[in-house]
Amino acid sequence: MALEEFERFAVSIASKFRAPLEAFTYQTFKDLHRELFADVYPWAGQIRDYSTGRGSAPFCLPEFIDDNMERLFAQLAANAVLRNLTADAFAERAAELINEINAVHPFIEGNGRVSREFLRDLAEHAGHPLDLSKFDRDTWYAAAARGFEADDNAPMRNCIRAALVVR
């Protein structure tokens, strides 16, 4: 429990003082993980090198992580980094992306936290600011699990849509 508490504290401090992302690439995603977890884990920012999963369902095998993440970020770039979308369309596309990243699960630990921080910057960049305090941890985890286990983006879409700041 002490590690979990320290991790939560260290990441909350790092997230408060970091500069927003200016580019949305696989490399900046790994860099963000490193920035958030550098004070906790020596492997921060490095992809995992062993197989793991949720229950009996495996996450992406380590040898395919880089290719899958590069593909996701190429799709993001091809879709104008989700700019010029309505709030509903942004929430839909962002949910697809976040659920795909979750299915790859590139890091040993911290996949959800880095995804939320990344999503906050992506949403701001796309013109749809996101209030992370509106994310209930249990709701986020349930949405991520549903996206992974049932390929159902609706719970994550609803989670994201509810956290978008209306201007």
Protein backbone atom coordinates (compact mmCIF):
# COMPACT_ATOMS: atom_id res chain seq x y z
CA MET A 1 0.00 0.00 0.00
CA ALA A 2 2.87 2.40 0.67
CA LEU A 3 4.09 2.17 -2.94
CA GLU A 4 0.60 2.84 -4.27
CA GLU A 5 0.24 5.90 -2.04
CA PHE A 6 3.69 7.21 -2.98
CA GLU A 7 2.96 6.60 -6.66
CA ARG A 8 -0.34 8.46 -6.48
CA PHE A 9 1.32 11.37 -4.66
CA ALA A 10 4.32 11.57 -7.02
CA VAL A 11 2.16 11.42 -10.13
CA SER A 12 -0.24 14.06 -8.81
CA ILE A 13 2.68 16.43 -8.19
CA ALA A 14 4.28 15.70 -11.57
CA SER A 15 0.97 16.24 -13.37
CA LYS A 16 0.47 19.63 -11.71
CA PHE A 17 3.84 20.98 -12.81
CA ARG A 18 4.26 19.53 -16.27
CA ALA A 19 3.90 21.51 -19.47
CA PRO A 20 1.03 20.49 -21.75
CA LEU A 21 1.95 18.33 -24.71
CA GLU A 22 2.50 20.19 -27.95
CA ALA A 23 2.76 17.09 -30.14
CA PHE A 24 0.70 13.92 -30.01
CA THR A 25 2.99 11.09 -31.03
CA TYR A 26 3.89 7.73 -29.63
CA GLN A 27 7.19 9.21 -28.49
CA THR A 28 5.51 12.06 -26.59
CA PHE A 29 3.17 9.49 -25.01
CA LYS A 30 6.19 7.53 -23.74
CA ASP A 31 7.86 10.78 -22.66
CA LEU A 32 4.75 11.73 -20.71
CA HIS A 33 4.81 8.38 -18.91
CA ARG A 34 8.48 8.98 -18.07
CA GLU A 35 7.73 12.46 -16.77
CA LEU A 36 4.84 11.30 -14.59
CA PHE A 37 6.52 8.20 -13.15
CA ALA A 38 10.23 9.07 -13.14
CA ASP A 39 10.31 9.58 -9.38
CA VAL A 40 8.63 6.21 -8.80
CA TYR A 41 9.97 3.67 -11.28
CA PRO A 42 13.37 3.36 -13.03
CA TRP A 43 11.58 1.92 -16.09
CA ALA A 44 9.24 4.91 -16.51
CA GLY A 45 8.60 5.59 -20.18
CA GLN A 46 9.74 2.14 -21.30
CA ILE A 47 7.35 -0.39 -22.77
CA ARG A 48 6.77 -3.64 -20.94
CA ASP A 49 8.69 -6.71 -22.08
CA TYR A 50 6.44 -9.45 -20.77
CA SER A 51 2.90 -10.67 -21.44
CA THR A 52 0.05 -9.66 -19.17
CA GLY A 53 -3.68 -9.17 -19.35
CA ARG A 54 -6.93 -8.63 -17.56
CA GLY A 55 -8.34 -11.90 -16.31
CA SER A 56 -7.95 -14.48 -19.04
CA ALA A 57 -7.82 -11.86 -21.83
CA PRO A 58 -4.26 -10.89 -22.83
CA PHE A 59 -3.14 -7.38 -23.59
CA CYS A 60 -1.00 -6.86 -26.68
CA LEU A 61 2.07 -9.11 -26.77
CA PRO A 62 5.26 -7.15 -26.08
CA GLU A 63 6.73 -7.76 -29.53
CA PHE A 64 3.73 -6.00 -31.12
CA ILE A 65 3.41 -3.01 -28.78
CA ASP A 66 5.51 -0.58 -30.81
CA ASP A 67 3.83 -1.41 -34.12
CA ASN A 68 0.35 -1.11 -32.63
CA MET A 69 1.08 2.15 -30.86
CA GLU A 70 2.71 3.62 -33.98
CA ARG A 71 -0.42 2.64 -35.95
CA LEU A 72 -2.72 4.30 -33.41
CA PHE A 73 -0.73 7.52 -33.40
CA ALA A 74 -0.52 7.54 -37.20
CA GLN A 75 -4.32 7.28 -37.28
CA LEU A 76 -4.56 10.11 -34.78
CA ALA A 77 -2.34 12.29 -36.98
CA ALA A 78 -4.32 11.34 -40.09
CA ASN A 79 -7.48 12.45 -38.27
CA ALA A 80 -6.08 15.95 -37.59
CA VAL A 81 -5.44 15.06 -33.93
CA LEU A 82 -9.24 15.07 -33.45
CA ARG A 83 -9.53 18.79 -34.17
CA ASN A 84 -12.59 20.38 -35.78
CA LEU A 85 -15.02 17.88 -34.30
CA THR A 86 -18.17 18.47 -32.31
CA ALA A 87 -17.95 17.59 -28.63
CA ASP A 88 -19.91 14.39 -29.23
CA ALA A 89 -17.71 13.37 -32.16
CA PHE A 90 -14.58 14.18 -30.17
CA ALA A 91 -15.78 12.05 -27.25
CA GLU A 92 -16.54 9.16 -29.61
CA ARG A 93 -13.17 9.26 -31.38
CA ALA A 94 -11.24 9.86 -28.15
CA ALA A 95 -12.98 6.87 -26.54
CA GLU A 96 -11.94 4.66 -29.45
CA LEU A 97 -8.33 5.84 -29.13
CA ILE A 98 -8.15 5.48 -25.35
CA ASN A 99 -9.70 2.00 -25.45
CA GLU A 100 -7.25 0.93 -28.16
CA ILE A 101 -4.30 2.26 -26.13
CA ASN A 102 -5.67 0.40 -23.11
CA ALA A 103 -5.86 -2.84 -25.12
CA VAL A 104 -2.20 -2.44 -26.10
CA HIS A 105 -1.32 -1.58 -22.48
CA PRO A 106 2.24 -0.50 -23.29
CA PHE A 107 3.54 0.06 -19.76
CA ILE A 108 3.99 -2.16 -16.74
CA GLU A 109 2.05 0.28 -14.58
CA GLY A 110 0.35 3.66 -15.02
CA ASN A 111 -1.44 3.09 -18.32
CA GLY A 112 -4.68 4.67 -17.12
CA ARG A 113 -3.05 7.67 -15.51
CA VAL A 114 -0.87 8.48 -18.50
CA SER A 115 -3.87 8.02 -20.79
CA ARG A 116 -5.95 10.49 -18.77
CA GLU A 117 -3.19 13.10 -18.77
CA PHE A 118 -2.64 12.56 -22.49
CA LEU A 119 -6.38 12.83 -23.10
CA ARG A 120 -6.58 16.10 -21.18
CA ASP A 121 -3.91 17.65 -23.41
CA LEU A 122 -5.43 16.16 -26.56
CA ALA A 123 -8.86 17.51 -25.66
CA GLU A 124 -7.48 20.99 -24.97
CA HIS A 125 -5.59 20.94 -28.27
CA ALA A 126 -8.76 19.83 -30.08
CA GLY A 127 -10.77 22.67 -28.57
CA HIS A 128 -12.68 20.55 -26.07
CA PRO A 129 -11.15 21.16 -22.63
CA LEU A 130 -11.49 18.27 -20.23
CA ASP A 131 -11.90 18.46 -16.46
CA LEU A 132 -10.13 15.40 -15.05
CA SER A 133 -11.74 15.97 -11.67
CA LYS A 134 -15.02 14.87 -13.29
CA PHE A 135 -13.58 11.40 -13.87
CA ASP A 136 -14.65 9.04 -11.17
CA ARG A 137 -11.87 6.44 -10.85
CA ASP A 138 -14.25 3.49 -10.64
CA THR A 139 -16.29 4.72 -13.62
CA TRP A 140 -13.12 5.17 -15.69
CA TYR A 141 -11.88 1.69 -14.80
CA ALA A 142 -15.27 0.14 -15.56
CA ALA A 143 -15.37 1.96 -18.92
CA ALA A 144 -11.84 0.81 -19.76
CA ALA A 145 -12.68 -2.77 -18.79
CA ARG A 146 -15.85 -2.72 -20.90
CA GLY A 147 -13.92 -1.32 -23.85
CA PHE A 148 -11.30 -4.03 -23.52
CA GLU A 149 -13.47 -7.01 -22.71
CA ALA A 150 -16.50 -6.27 -24.92
CA ASP A 151 -15.09 -3.84 -27.52
CA ASP A 152 -17.76 -1.41 -26.35
CA ASN A 153 -16.68 2.25 -26.53
CA ALA A 154 -19.96 3.67 -25.21
CA PRO A 155 -19.02 3.73 -21.50
CA MET A 156 -15.68 5.47 -22.22
CA ARG A 157 -17.39 7.87 -24.64
CA ASN A 158 -19.93 8.76 -21.95
CA CYS A 159 -17.18 9.15 -19.37
CA ILE A 160 -15.23 11.51 -21.65
CA ARG A 161 -18.31 13.43 -22.78
CA ALA A 162 -19.36 14.07 -19.18
CA ALA A 163 -15.92 15.52 -18.38
CA LEU A 164 -15.78 17.94 -21.32
CA VAL A 165 -15.97 21.56 -20.21
CA VAL A 166 -18.82 23.43 -21.86
CA ARG A 167 -17.76 26.90 -22.91
